[in-house]
Each structure stands twice: as structure tokens, then as C-alpha cells.
Amino acid sequence: MATSRLLRTSAALLAATALLISGCSSGSSSPDDEASPGRTTEAGAQRPADEPTLAPLPASTPASLRPYYDQKLSWHPCASSGFECATMKAPLDYSHPGGGDIKLAVARKKATGAAGHRLGSLLVNPGGPGGAAIEYLERYAPQPAAVRARYDMVAMDPRGVAHSQPVECLTNKQMDRYTETDQTPDSPAEVNKLATAYRDFAKGCASRSGKLLSHISTVEAARDMDLLRAVLGDKKLTYVGSSYGTFLGATYAGLYPSRVGRMVLDGAMNPELDARATNVQQTAGFNTAFTAFAEDCIQRKNCPLGTKSTEDAAKQLSALFKKLDAHPAATGEDRKLTESLATTGVIAAMYDQRAWPLLREYLAQAKAGNGRGLLAFSDSYYERSPNGSYSNQMYANPAVNCLDLAPAFTGPGQVRAALPSFRKASPVFGDTFAWAAVNCAYWPVKPTGTAHRIEAKGAAPILVVGTTRDPATPYSWAQALASQLSSATLLTYEGDGHTAYGRGSKCIDSTIDAYLLDGTVPPKNKHCK
């Protein structure tokens, strides 16, 4: 069971599958709570009656923050060859600097070219929220040799993530049980069991992470990025953010428009959407991705979902999920493949069409009673290691999401009422996404953020990248963000999968590289394949 659907780059899908996002909030409520007042959007989602625009922070640095901006990093060799590591201090609470610090892990690889040709630092973030940026830099970051020659490549694990005082919630055994929880409840007893799982998860986060949970919002992470920019000696921030990393980057631009250098936002989020609208639209995005997979599958004689039509393929997949709900499949280990784990495994494969051949194989195995393959896909999604340990990504994700937005739903009653709209968005995944979106109703910390526009007036040109059949960040989100940002240009990849840079399109890669190296902004409405 996914606590929240996450958003992260697909660069490492087959090693550690990308993630999604969901709606979150604080405080428990009764099953029959009414929706909060506001404008009703597509599929009944609620949006604030008056959406604000993110306002920039003062250009001058407050005296209380000056010690943080003036700090010097002590670099030392990382475990990965060729990389240097350091620890940066930031205030835990920016409204009370000096009231306690948080230590943030930073890594870099210095530019490989001649010193006189160095352009500065390039900060990367793979998304999540909860994605380990340092691991991404060391293993997957797509920048080619020409870019690495001109930039110091830099990553910082955001607060609460990986090596930056990570959020912790459950033991590994507890997380195993949590991921197996039925996320498509068929009875009041199963609804209660799901709600109890969400409550216990939230209680675990509160007991193990304490006051950190109140200070890991996207706004605070963006402010940390400005500290890092200054500490590295850069006048402006050059940045490549993928998936949720686009929201982080856009937030930085909104807070510090005059400090934006060259900024690439690949697989963009739309900050105007509230949690429910985000979930409904993402559900539709995954339906689009599944349809593309099914179209490819049914043309093959060995397609495990038949060869009739995409609609029939969807029905066969739903039937498989229903079968696993009643009779989980053996996997060759103590754990069995439940409906929830199987659904997560299929969702994981939607991020990258290169996973489709394995997905066909694993679906055939599951239909024959062998759940090992889909369990492996599910484990990669959850970042579960073979030894049974989990990264903190699935803990940091809801912790950030539940702080950034008010809830998609405040109780099971609202979920039931919204099921028709989710099922319309995706007959296969609708129920799963709808019930996943209630997790933050039980969160122990009240949200500090709201849906808002980001205009970043006065910022240097920003490059927004969208993929037409992106499952996790629908193409319409890239269009929306590009229209909000005052200096943005939209670059479109006509294809499948999540994000575009470094995924095989020479047109995309050369366009982004030219922008990073020379500042060349592509023509409006440029499309690549």
C-alpha cells in the first residue's frame, strides 16, 4: 500500500522504480465529513476560492540568517569515488533562526574541464518528495560529459530525506505489513483496517521523528537551496529538477526570482492544484500510460492481457487484481503477492516503457500463480532492499505532502463519494488512487501550505519540459506551470514514460544541454520525439 503516491524521475526505474504523489492533511475526522468550501473543479475536486500567488522573499538577507549564509563547508571524500561530501547547517525553523539547526548532507563532483571554462554549480534533484538527491547524482543524473565539464555537479538531500536527518516511521517488519494492507476495501471492516493502518503509520512518524515533521515543507527546502547557492559562492542558482523536483525548483523561483540562473523543470507539477485535483488528474495520467502499454501488448501473440482491445486488457488486469485480493500468489519467500502489492508493481512499470517487456512477463507469471516478478517491481517502488530494509523515501513523502497541502479527503465518507470520479479517470486504478489519497487525514501535523500560483516575475528564462503520455505528471501540468511562470518556455516530448531528459531523445537532450551550456532558449512550442 502506498502511503502517498510519489513523484520522482524514472532514470533508475529498473533499479529503484519512480514514485507518485497524493493528497494530505492533518487531523482525523468522521467518515461522513463534508467537503470544504471552495471552487469545484473537474471530477468534483476542491480548489481554494481565492488561490494566492507565491510572493518573493525580501532580496536582502536578514541579520538573523547571516551566520548560515556565511558558513564555510568542510569538504571530504565521499564513499563514491570522485565525489566530495559536506554537511551544511540550516535553521530548523526559518521563523526562529538560532532556535535549533538541521544538518543537511551535500555532495559534489567538480567540473572536469579547464578552470577558465567553469560555469558554476549545477544543483540536481530527482523528485519524490523523499528522493535521495545525492544517490541520484552519484548513480543516475543524466547530464552528459559536456555539461559535467563546465559545472560542478551538486546535490543536497532535502531536509528529512536520506542523509539529511531522515524522517522515520515504522520498523521494516511493520512496513512490510503496511504495504500489504488492502487499499481497495470491500467492506466496513476493511475500511476500518485501512484507516487503522494510516493512523498507526502517522503515530509511528510522530513518535520517531517528533518536531522535524513540522519543518520539512517544500518552502523550507527551497530556502535551504538558497543557503546552499550562497555557500557555494554562486550569485544565481543553476538547477535541474525532475518530477516533484520541478515543484521545488518553481518554489525557489517564486521566492527568489532575481537569483534564478538556468533552470530546467522536467516532468512538471502544477502548484495551482489542490490535493484532490492532483490525485484525480494523476489517476487519469496513469490510465493514459496503461492504455499505451495495453495498445502495445495486445499486438503481441503472448500478451498476458489478451489480444482483443485495450478495454478488454483493462478488464483482465482488474480480474487479476480481484483474484489476488481473494488468493494472494506465492512468491518463493514468506511474503505473498497481495492485490495491493500487485497494483503497486504494475503502477511502477508505467514510469518507463523500457519496463514493459518485463511487465508482460511478470503479469503472465502472476496469472499462473507466481507473484515473484510483480513483487520485485513493488519492492523497487518502495525501495525495499533484498535484506528487508527500506529507505526513508516512503516516510519522507507523506511527511512533505501532508505539510504542503490540505487533505484530498478528511475521512472515508468523502472517499466513497468521490469513487465515481476516480473510476471514470481510471477503471483499473481509480479505487486504489482514491483510497490512497485519504492517508493525510490522520497526519499528526497541520498543513502549512496551500495551492497557489507561481509566477516568479523577473526571473531569468526557465525551461519547463513535459511528456505527452507521462503517467505521474500529466502533460497538462507542464502546460499549466509554463503558463504561470512569467519567463518560462515549454519544451514537449511526444512519448511515453515519466520525465524526458536523459531518456533517449537526442532532440530533448541536445536542447536542454544547449540551454545549460549556452543559455539558448528553444523556440516556443518546440516538440521532440
Protein backbone atom coordinates (compact mmCIF):
# COMPACT_ATOMS: atom_id res chain seq x y z
CA MET A 1 0.00 0.00 0.00
CA ALA A 2 1.43 3.34 -0.99
CA THR A 3 1.24 5.88 1.81
CA SER A 4 1.21 8.64 -0.75
CA ARG A 5 1.85 8.44 -4.42
CA LEU A 6 5.23 9.97 -5.09
CA LEU A 7 6.89 11.87 -7.91
CA ARG A 8 10.42 11.03 -8.87
CA THR A 9 12.45 10.74 -12.05
CA SER A 10 12.29 7.44 -13.94
CA ALA A 11 16.02 7.35 -14.67
CA ALA A 12 16.54 4.44 -12.32
CA LEU A 13 13.26 2.59 -12.83
CA LEU A 14 14.62 -0.90 -13.19
CA ALA A 15 16.86 -0.45 -10.15
CA ALA A 16 14.61 1.67 -7.96
CA THR A 17 11.27 2.48 -9.53
CA ALA A 18 9.95 6.01 -9.55
CA LEU A 19 7.11 7.22 -7.38
CA LEU A 20 3.90 9.25 -7.19
CA ILE A 21 2.08 11.84 -5.07
CA SER A 22 -1.19 12.07 -3.13
CA GLY A 23 -3.26 14.47 -1.12
CA CYS A 24 -2.61 15.00 2.54
CA SER A 25 -3.70 16.89 5.64
CA SER A 26 -3.86 16.80 9.38
CA GLY A 27 -6.41 15.77 11.96
CA SER A 28 -8.77 12.82 11.89
CA SER A 29 -12.45 13.20 11.16
CA SER A 30 -15.67 11.27 10.88
CA PRO A 31 -16.40 9.11 7.81
CA ASP A 32 -19.17 11.43 6.69
CA ASP A 33 -17.33 14.76 6.79
CA GLU A 34 -18.44 17.24 4.18
CA ALA A 35 -16.05 18.67 1.60
CA SER A 36 -14.53 22.00 2.47
CA PRO A 37 -15.89 25.16 0.82
CA GLY A 38 -14.28 26.32 -2.39
CA ARG A 39 -14.50 26.14 -6.15
CA THR A 40 -15.42 22.77 -7.61
CA THR A 41 -13.12 21.67 -10.41
CA GLU A 42 -13.01 18.73 -12.78
CA ALA A 43 -14.25 15.49 -11.19
CA GLY A 44 -15.53 17.30 -8.14
CA ALA A 45 -12.12 18.28 -6.78
CA GLN A 46 -11.98 21.27 -4.50
CA ARG A 47 -9.78 24.30 -5.05
CA PRO A 48 -9.48 27.36 -2.82
CA ALA A 49 -11.92 30.15 -3.65
CA ASP A 50 -9.04 32.62 -3.99
CA GLU A 51 -5.77 31.00 -4.92
CA PRO A 52 -2.80 33.11 -3.82
CA THR A 53 0.37 33.74 -5.78
CA LEU A 54 3.63 32.78 -4.11
CA ALA A 55 5.26 36.04 -3.03
CA PRO A 56 9.04 36.55 -3.25
CA LEU A 57 11.07 36.92 -0.09
CA PRO A 58 12.98 40.19 0.57
CA ALA A 59 16.10 40.49 -1.56
CA SER A 60 18.27 41.37 1.42
CA THR A 61 19.36 38.64 3.82
CA PRO A 62 18.06 39.12 7.38
CA ALA A 63 20.78 39.55 10.00
CA SER A 64 19.45 36.51 11.85
CA LEU A 65 20.23 34.32 8.81
CA ARG A 66 23.63 35.83 8.04
CA PRO A 67 25.59 33.20 10.05
CA TYR A 68 24.03 30.48 7.90
CA TYR A 69 24.78 32.29 4.65
CA ASP A 70 28.37 32.97 5.74
CA GLN A 71 29.22 29.40 6.81
CA LYS A 72 32.08 27.54 5.18
CA LEU A 73 31.67 23.91 4.19
CA SER A 74 34.32 21.37 5.13
CA TRP A 75 34.64 19.02 2.17
CA HIS A 76 35.92 15.43 2.42
CA PRO A 77 35.93 12.43 0.06
CA CYS A 78 32.59 10.62 -0.26
CA ALA A 79 32.31 6.85 -0.36
CA SER A 80 31.77 7.18 -4.13
CA SER A 81 34.99 7.82 -5.99
CA GLY A 82 35.43 11.32 -7.38
CA PHE A 83 32.77 12.93 -5.19
CA GLU A 84 33.22 15.24 -2.22
CA CYS A 85 30.81 15.43 0.70
CA ALA A 86 30.00 18.05 3.32
CA THR A 87 27.36 19.00 5.87
CA MET A 88 25.52 22.32 5.75
CA LYS A 89 23.64 23.82 8.67
CA ALA A 90 20.22 25.44 8.23
CA PRO A 91 17.72 26.69 10.79
CA LEU A 92 15.14 24.06 11.63
CA ASP A 93 12.55 26.84 11.77
CA TYR A 94 13.20 29.81 9.48
CA SER A 95 10.86 31.95 11.54
CA HIS A 96 13.11 31.41 14.57
CA PRO A 97 16.73 31.16 13.36
CA GLY A 98 19.05 30.08 16.12
CA GLY A 99 16.34 28.09 17.85
CA GLY A 100 17.84 24.84 16.62
CA ASP A 101 19.59 23.68 13.46
CA ILE A 102 19.16 20.88 10.97
CA LYS A 103 22.15 19.27 9.29
CA LEU A 104 21.86 18.78 5.52
CA ALA A 105 24.05 16.41 3.51
CA VAL A 106 25.69 17.84 0.37
CA ALA A 107 27.79 16.19 -2.34
CA ARG A 108 29.55 17.49 -5.42
CA LYS A 109 31.75 16.43 -8.29
CA LYS A 110 33.91 19.25 -9.55
CA ALA A 111 33.81 20.32 -13.17
CA THR A 112 36.09 18.18 -15.27
CA GLY A 113 37.02 20.87 -17.79
CA ALA A 114 39.54 23.69 -17.66
CA ALA A 115 39.05 26.07 -14.75
CA GLY A 116 38.53 29.07 -17.00
CA HIS A 117 35.55 27.42 -18.66
CA ARG A 118 33.68 26.58 -15.46
CA LEU A 119 30.14 28.00 -15.37
CA GLY A 120 29.47 27.42 -11.67
CA SER A 121 27.45 24.83 -9.75
CA LEU A 122 24.54 22.81 -11.12
CA LEU A 123 22.17 21.53 -8.43
CA VAL A 124 20.06 18.45 -9.25
CA ASN A 125 17.02 16.96 -7.54
CA PRO A 126 15.24 13.76 -8.65
CA GLY A 127 11.87 14.45 -7.02
CA GLY A 128 9.82 12.42 -4.59
CA PRO A 129 9.28 14.14 -2.32
CA GLY A 130 11.71 11.94 -0.49
CA GLY A 131 14.07 11.09 -3.35
CA ALA A 132 17.71 10.82 -2.29
CA ALA A 133 19.41 13.53 -4.34
CA ILE A 134 22.97 12.52 -3.50
CA GLU A 135 22.42 8.91 -4.56
CA TYR A 136 20.77 10.19 -7.74
CA LEU A 137 23.76 12.42 -8.52
CA GLU A 138 26.25 9.63 -7.93
CA ARG A 139 24.39 6.95 -9.90
CA TYR A 140 21.78 8.28 -12.31
CA ALA A 141 21.99 12.01 -13.09
CA PRO A 142 21.67 12.32 -16.89
CA GLN A 143 23.96 15.27 -17.59
CA PRO A 144 26.47 14.39 -20.35
CA ALA A 145 30.24 14.93 -20.29
CA ALA A 146 29.95 18.36 -21.92
CA VAL A 147 27.75 19.64 -19.07
CA ARG A 148 29.85 17.98 -16.38
CA ALA A 149 32.94 19.61 -17.86
CA ARG A 150 31.52 23.10 -17.30
CA TYR A 151 29.67 22.68 -14.00
CA ASP A 152 30.39 21.40 -10.52
CA MET A 153 27.61 18.82 -10.21
CA VAL A 154 25.93 19.24 -6.81
CA ALA A 155 23.17 17.50 -4.86
CA MET A 156 21.70 18.05 -1.41
CA ASP A 157 19.41 15.59 0.28
CA PRO A 158 16.43 17.75 1.31
CA ARG A 159 15.59 18.06 4.97
CA GLY A 160 14.06 14.85 6.30
CA VAL A 161 15.44 12.79 3.40
CA ALA A 162 18.19 10.13 3.25
CA HIS A 163 21.31 11.61 4.90
CA SER A 164 19.67 14.88 5.99
CA GLN A 165 18.13 13.89 9.33
CA PRO A 166 15.69 11.44 7.75
CA VAL A 167 12.09 11.07 8.81
CA GLU A 168 11.47 7.65 10.35
CA CYS A 169 8.10 6.00 10.95
CA LEU A 170 7.99 2.18 11.10
CA THR A 171 10.22 -0.82 11.61
CA ASN A 172 10.96 -2.86 8.50
CA LYS A 173 8.54 -5.61 9.54
CA GLN A 174 5.83 -3.03 10.25
CA MET A 175 6.44 -1.51 6.80
CA ASP A 176 6.05 -4.95 5.21
CA ARG A 177 2.63 -5.31 6.81
CA TYR A 178 1.72 -1.76 5.86
CA THR A 179 2.48 -2.25 2.17
CA GLU A 180 0.33 -5.39 2.14
CA THR A 181 -2.76 -3.64 3.54
CA ASP A 182 -5.79 -3.87 1.25
CA GLN A 183 -6.14 -0.47 -0.41
CA THR A 184 -9.41 -1.24 -2.19
CA PRO A 185 -11.65 -2.04 0.80
CA ASP A 186 -14.80 -4.02 0.02
CA SER A 187 -16.48 -3.87 3.43
CA PRO A 188 -16.76 -1.62 6.50
CA ALA A 189 -14.31 -3.91 8.30
CA GLU A 190 -11.72 -3.46 5.54
CA VAL A 191 -12.28 0.32 5.55
CA ASN A 192 -11.61 0.35 9.29
CA LYS A 193 -8.49 -1.76 8.82
CA LEU A 194 -7.18 0.67 6.19
CA ALA A 195 -7.91 3.68 8.39
CA THR A 196 -6.16 1.98 11.31
CA ALA A 197 -3.10 1.37 9.13
CA TYR A 198 -2.97 5.07 8.21
CA ARG A 199 -3.38 6.08 11.87
CA ASP A 200 -0.64 3.73 13.03
CA PHE A 201 1.68 4.95 10.30
CA ALA A 202 1.12 8.58 11.34
CA LYS A 203 1.63 7.73 15.02
CA GLY A 204 4.89 5.99 14.16
CA CYS A 205 6.14 9.07 12.30
CA ALA A 206 5.20 11.32 15.23
CA SER A 207 6.90 9.13 17.82
CA ARG A 208 10.08 8.56 15.80
CA SER A 209 10.51 11.95 14.10
CA GLY A 210 9.00 14.45 16.54
CA LYS A 211 9.30 18.16 15.79
CA LEU A 212 11.07 17.50 12.49
CA LEU A 213 7.64 16.76 10.96
CA SER A 214 6.65 20.42 11.32
CA HIS A 215 9.64 21.70 9.35
CA ILE A 216 10.11 19.73 6.13
CA SER A 217 7.86 21.67 3.77
CA THR A 218 8.79 22.44 0.18
CA VAL A 219 9.13 26.13 1.02
CA GLU A 220 11.69 25.34 3.72
CA ALA A 221 13.58 23.02 1.37
CA ALA A 222 13.66 25.80 -1.25
CA ARG A 223 15.09 28.20 1.33
CA ASP A 224 17.77 25.61 2.09
CA MET A 225 18.64 25.64 -1.62
CA ASP A 226 19.30 29.38 -1.45
CA LEU A 227 21.60 28.87 1.52
CA LEU A 228 23.50 26.27 -0.50
CA ARG A 229 23.72 28.59 -3.51
CA ALA A 230 25.33 31.28 -1.35
CA VAL A 231 27.65 28.88 0.49
CA LEU A 232 28.88 27.52 -2.85
CA GLY A 233 29.69 31.06 -3.98
CA ASP A 234 27.18 31.25 -6.82
CA LYS A 235 25.32 34.51 -7.46
CA LYS A 236 22.50 32.64 -9.17
CA LEU A 237 21.12 29.11 -8.89
CA THR A 238 21.50 26.76 -11.84
CA TYR A 239 19.18 23.81 -11.34
CA VAL A 240 17.76 20.69 -12.96
CA GLY A 241 14.73 19.32 -11.11
CA SER A 242 12.69 16.31 -12.15
CA SER A 243 9.14 15.39 -11.16
CA TYR A 244 8.47 16.76 -7.64
CA GLY A 245 11.83 18.49 -8.10
CA THR A 246 10.03 20.81 -10.51
CA PHE A 247 7.76 21.99 -7.70
CA LEU A 248 10.81 22.51 -5.52
CA GLY A 249 12.56 24.47 -8.28
CA ALA A 250 9.49 26.52 -9.16
CA THR A 251 9.05 27.33 -5.47
CA TYR A 252 12.65 28.56 -5.37
CA ALA A 253 11.97 30.73 -8.41
CA GLY A 254 8.88 32.18 -6.78
CA LEU A 255 10.73 33.00 -3.57
CA TYR A 256 13.97 34.24 -5.19
CA PRO A 257 13.21 35.28 -8.78
CA SER A 258 16.26 37.53 -9.09
CA ARG A 259 18.55 34.63 -8.11
CA VAL A 260 17.38 32.22 -10.81
CA GLY A 261 20.09 31.24 -13.27
CA ARG A 262 19.42 28.47 -15.77
CA MET A 263 16.59 26.28 -14.51
CA VAL A 264 15.21 23.09 -16.08
CA LEU A 265 11.93 21.71 -14.71
CA ASP A 266 11.36 18.26 -16.24
CA GLY A 267 8.09 16.39 -15.61
CA ALA A 268 6.37 19.42 -14.15
CA MET A 269 3.84 19.69 -11.37
CA ASN A 270 1.05 22.27 -11.31
CA PRO A 271 1.14 24.14 -7.97
CA GLU A 272 -2.35 25.58 -8.58
CA LEU A 273 -4.00 22.23 -7.94
CA ASP A 274 -5.24 21.16 -4.54
CA ALA A 275 -4.64 17.61 -3.33
CA ARG A 276 -7.84 16.10 -4.71
CA ALA A 277 -7.43 17.63 -8.15
CA THR A 278 -3.83 16.42 -8.20
CA ASN A 279 -4.94 12.88 -7.41
CA VAL A 280 -7.78 12.75 -9.93
CA GLN A 281 -5.61 14.11 -12.73
CA GLN A 282 -2.75 11.79 -11.88
CA THR A 283 -5.13 8.85 -11.86
CA ALA A 284 -6.08 9.79 -15.42
CA GLY A 285 -2.38 10.08 -16.27
CA PHE A 286 -1.75 6.51 -15.20
CA ASN A 287 -4.75 5.39 -17.18
CA THR A 288 -3.23 7.02 -20.26
CA ALA A 289 0.05 5.21 -19.59
CA PHE A 290 -1.71 1.87 -19.08
CA THR A 291 -3.65 2.33 -22.32
CA ALA A 292 -0.37 2.91 -24.16
CA PHE A 293 1.05 -0.27 -22.60
CA ALA A 294 -2.09 -2.22 -23.46
CA GLU A 295 -2.08 -0.99 -27.05
CA ASP A 296 1.45 -2.32 -27.41
CA CYS A 297 0.68 -5.55 -25.54
CA ILE A 298 -2.41 -6.66 -27.45
CA GLN A 299 -0.46 -6.59 -30.72
CA ARG A 300 1.73 -9.41 -29.39
CA LYS A 301 0.62 -13.04 -29.50
CA ASN A 302 1.86 -13.68 -25.98
CA CYS A 303 0.17 -10.67 -24.36
CA PRO A 304 -0.97 -11.85 -20.90
CA LEU A 305 -3.95 -9.49 -21.08
CA GLY A 306 -5.31 -10.89 -24.35
CA THR A 307 -5.29 -9.53 -27.88
CA LYS A 308 -8.81 -8.13 -28.26
CA SER A 309 -8.74 -4.48 -27.17
CA THR A 310 -7.33 -2.11 -24.57
CA GLU A 311 -10.69 -2.16 -22.78
CA ASP A 312 -10.58 -5.94 -22.55
CA ALA A 313 -6.96 -5.76 -21.35
CA ALA A 314 -8.07 -3.43 -18.56
CA LYS A 315 -10.82 -5.86 -17.57
CA GLN A 316 -8.35 -8.75 -17.49
CA LEU A 317 -5.95 -6.79 -15.29
CA SER A 318 -8.78 -5.89 -12.94
CA ALA A 319 -9.76 -9.56 -12.81
CA LEU A 320 -6.20 -10.48 -11.88
CA PHE A 321 -6.21 -7.93 -9.07
CA LYS A 322 -9.55 -9.29 -7.81
CA LYS A 323 -8.19 -12.84 -7.88
CA LEU A 324 -5.14 -11.76 -5.87
CA ASP A 325 -7.40 -9.99 -3.38
CA ALA A 326 -9.05 -13.31 -2.62
CA HIS A 327 -6.00 -15.55 -3.05
CA PRO A 328 -2.54 -13.87 -2.87
CA ALA A 329 0.08 -15.53 -5.06
CA ALA A 330 3.17 -17.35 -3.83
CA THR A 331 6.50 -15.59 -4.40
CA GLY A 332 9.08 -18.10 -3.23
CA GLU A 333 9.51 -16.28 0.10
CA ASP A 334 7.50 -15.63 3.23
CA ARG A 335 5.64 -12.71 1.68
CA LYS A 336 2.85 -13.28 -0.81
CA LEU A 337 1.75 -11.07 -3.68
CA THR A 338 -1.40 -9.34 -2.49
CA GLU A 339 -3.70 -7.21 -4.61
CA SER A 340 -2.11 -4.09 -3.14
CA LEU A 341 1.45 -5.18 -3.90
CA ALA A 342 0.50 -6.31 -7.41
CA THR A 343 -1.16 -2.98 -8.16
CA THR A 344 1.93 -1.15 -6.95
CA GLY A 345 4.11 -3.35 -9.15
CA VAL A 346 2.06 -2.57 -12.26
CA ILE A 347 2.00 1.14 -11.44
CA ALA A 348 5.77 1.11 -11.04
CA ALA A 349 6.20 -0.22 -14.57
CA MET A 350 4.15 2.62 -16.03
CA TYR A 351 7.00 5.08 -15.45
CA ASP A 352 9.19 3.79 -18.25
CA GLN A 353 8.25 1.89 -21.38
CA ARG A 354 11.56 0.02 -21.12
CA ALA A 355 9.89 -1.93 -18.29
CA TRP A 356 7.02 -3.11 -20.48
CA PRO A 357 8.66 -6.39 -21.63
CA LEU A 358 9.30 -7.39 -18.01
CA LEU A 359 5.78 -6.33 -17.05
CA ARG A 360 4.32 -8.64 -19.70
CA GLU A 361 6.44 -11.48 -18.34
CA TYR A 362 5.52 -10.77 -14.72
CA LEU A 363 1.81 -10.48 -15.46
CA ALA A 364 1.90 -13.87 -17.18
CA GLN A 365 3.67 -15.32 -14.14
CA ALA A 366 1.12 -13.81 -11.75
CA LYS A 367 -1.78 -15.23 -13.75
CA ALA A 368 -0.12 -18.63 -13.40
CA GLY A 369 0.19 -18.21 -9.63
CA ASN A 370 3.78 -16.93 -9.41
CA GLY A 371 3.95 -13.45 -7.90
CA ARG A 372 7.69 -13.07 -7.64
CA GLY A 373 8.17 -10.67 -10.56
CA LEU A 374 5.45 -8.19 -9.63
CA LEU A 375 6.66 -8.31 -6.03
CA ALA A 376 10.12 -7.29 -7.26
CA PHE A 377 8.61 -4.32 -9.11
CA SER A 378 6.66 -3.37 -5.98
CA ASP A 379 9.81 -3.64 -3.84
CA SER A 380 11.69 -1.35 -6.19
CA TYR A 381 8.86 1.18 -5.92
CA TYR A 382 9.04 1.10 -2.13
CA GLU A 383 12.86 0.97 -2.16
CA ARG A 384 12.86 -2.26 -0.20
CA SER A 385 16.25 -3.96 -0.23
CA PRO A 386 16.70 -7.74 -0.53
CA ASN A 387 17.58 -7.83 3.18
CA GLY A 388 14.14 -6.44 4.01
CA SER A 389 15.19 -2.90 4.90
CA TYR A 390 13.52 0.20 3.48
CA SER A 391 14.89 3.60 2.58
CA ASN A 392 13.12 6.51 4.23
CA GLN A 393 11.53 7.66 0.97
CA MET A 394 8.06 6.35 1.80
CA TYR A 395 8.26 8.15 5.16
CA ALA A 396 9.55 11.48 3.89
CA ASN A 397 7.00 11.54 1.08
CA PRO A 398 3.80 11.83 3.13
CA ALA A 399 5.62 13.98 5.67
CA VAL A 400 6.26 16.62 3.00
CA ASN A 401 2.96 16.19 1.18
CA CYS A 402 0.90 16.40 4.35
CA LEU A 403 2.62 19.65 5.26
CA ASP A 404 2.34 21.22 1.81
CA LEU A 405 -1.41 20.82 1.17
CA ALA A 406 -4.72 20.43 2.94
CA PRO A 407 -6.31 17.00 2.58
CA ALA A 408 -7.72 15.46 -0.52
CA PHE A 409 -10.24 13.83 1.83
CA THR A 410 -10.83 14.14 5.56
CA GLY A 411 -12.38 10.71 6.00
CA PRO A 412 -13.67 7.55 4.30
CA GLY A 413 -17.09 9.10 3.63
CA GLN A 414 -15.57 11.61 1.24
CA VAL A 415 -13.60 8.87 -0.50
CA ARG A 416 -16.77 6.85 -1.13
CA ALA A 417 -18.49 9.91 -2.59
CA ALA A 418 -15.54 10.56 -4.92
CA LEU A 419 -15.08 6.98 -6.16
CA PRO A 420 -17.15 7.51 -9.34
CA SER A 421 -14.87 10.35 -10.47
CA PHE A 422 -11.74 8.31 -9.80
CA ARG A 423 -13.18 5.27 -11.58
CA LYS A 424 -14.02 7.45 -14.54
CA ALA A 425 -10.41 8.65 -14.59
CA SER A 426 -9.17 5.06 -14.48
CA PRO A 427 -11.34 1.94 -14.30
CA VAL A 428 -8.25 -0.08 -13.30
CA PHE A 429 -6.50 2.19 -10.80
CA GLY A 430 -9.30 4.52 -9.67
CA ASP A 431 -10.15 2.84 -6.37
CA THR A 432 -6.51 2.47 -5.40
CA PHE A 433 -5.71 6.13 -6.01
CA ALA A 434 -8.85 7.34 -4.26
CA TRP A 435 -8.24 5.39 -1.06
CA ALA A 436 -4.52 6.27 -1.08
CA ALA A 437 -5.50 9.93 -1.00
CA VAL A 438 -7.05 9.75 2.47
CA ASN A 439 -3.76 8.97 4.24
CA CYS A 440 -3.05 12.52 5.37
CA ALA A 441 -6.43 12.78 7.08
CA TYR A 442 -4.73 11.10 10.01
CA TRP A 443 -1.49 13.07 9.94
CA PRO A 444 -0.30 14.44 13.33
CA VAL A 445 0.86 17.83 11.99
CA LYS A 446 -1.34 20.52 10.49
CA PRO A 447 -0.55 21.62 6.92
CA THR A 448 1.26 24.91 6.43
CA GLY A 449 0.85 25.26 2.66
CA THR A 450 -1.98 25.83 0.19
CA ALA A 451 -2.46 25.52 -3.54
CA HIS A 452 -1.09 28.62 -5.27
CA ARG A 453 0.20 30.11 -8.49
CA ILE A 454 3.91 30.65 -9.05
CA GLU A 455 4.78 33.50 -11.39
CA ALA A 456 8.40 34.34 -10.43
CA LYS A 457 8.26 37.73 -12.12
CA GLY A 458 11.71 38.98 -13.04
CA ALA A 459 13.32 35.52 -13.20
CA ALA A 460 15.71 34.60 -15.99
CA PRO A 461 14.33 32.28 -18.70
CA ILE A 462 13.14 28.95 -17.27
CA LEU A 463 12.78 25.76 -19.33
CA VAL A 464 9.73 23.60 -18.50
CA VAL A 465 9.68 20.10 -20.02
CA GLY A 466 6.58 17.94 -20.42
CA THR A 467 5.98 14.43 -21.81
CA THR A 468 2.69 13.87 -23.60
CA ARG A 469 1.95 10.47 -22.05
CA ASP A 470 3.64 10.98 -18.71
CA PRO A 471 1.73 8.94 -16.08
CA ALA A 472 2.86 10.65 -12.88
CA THR A 473 2.96 14.28 -14.00
CA PRO A 474 0.41 14.67 -16.81
CA TYR A 475 1.39 16.85 -19.74
CA SER A 476 -1.31 19.37 -18.82
CA TRP A 477 0.64 20.12 -15.65
CA ALA A 478 3.70 21.17 -17.66
CA GLN A 479 1.49 23.38 -19.81
CA ALA A 480 -0.03 24.93 -16.69
CA LEU A 481 3.31 25.61 -14.97
CA ALA A 482 4.79 27.09 -18.14
CA SER A 483 1.80 29.42 -18.42
CA GLN A 484 2.16 30.54 -14.79
CA LEU A 485 5.90 31.25 -14.75
CA SER A 486 6.45 34.65 -16.31
CA SER A 487 9.70 33.68 -18.06
CA ALA A 488 9.04 30.02 -18.92
CA THR A 489 9.31 28.23 -22.25
CA LEU A 490 7.64 24.84 -22.71
CA LEU A 491 9.59 22.02 -24.36
CA THR A 492 7.44 19.00 -25.30
CA TYR A 493 8.47 15.36 -25.63
CA GLU A 494 5.93 13.34 -27.61
CA GLY A 495 6.30 9.98 -25.97
CA ASP A 496 5.79 7.64 -23.02
CA GLY A 497 7.24 7.48 -19.54
CA HIS A 498 7.95 9.87 -16.71
CA THR A 499 10.28 12.84 -17.47
CA ALA A 500 12.24 13.28 -20.69
CA TYR A 501 15.85 14.37 -20.13
CA GLY A 502 18.40 11.59 -20.47
CA ARG A 503 15.85 9.01 -21.62
CA GLY A 504 16.93 8.55 -25.23
CA SER A 505 15.60 11.54 -27.17
CA LYS A 506 18.52 13.31 -28.85
CA CYS A 507 16.24 16.24 -29.57
CA ILE A 508 15.35 16.70 -25.89
CA ASP A 509 18.88 16.15 -24.63
CA SER A 510 20.57 18.47 -27.11
CA THR A 511 18.00 21.22 -26.49
CA ILE A 512 18.44 21.07 -22.71
CA ASP A 513 22.23 20.80 -22.97
CA ALA A 514 22.36 23.89 -25.20
CA TYR A 515 20.28 25.80 -22.68
CA LEU A 516 22.51 24.75 -19.77
CA LEU A 517 25.76 25.40 -21.62
CA ASP A 518 24.96 28.49 -23.69
CA GLY A 519 21.70 29.80 -22.31
CA THR A 520 19.99 29.06 -25.63
CA VAL A 521 16.23 29.04 -25.11
CA PRO A 522 14.36 26.85 -27.62
CA PRO A 523 11.65 28.34 -29.80
CA LYS A 524 8.13 28.42 -28.39
CA ASN A 525 6.15 25.19 -28.67
CA LYS A 526 9.16 23.10 -29.70
CA HIS A 527 8.23 19.41 -29.88
CA CYS A 528 10.61 16.44 -29.81
CA LYS A 529 10.15 12.72 -30.35
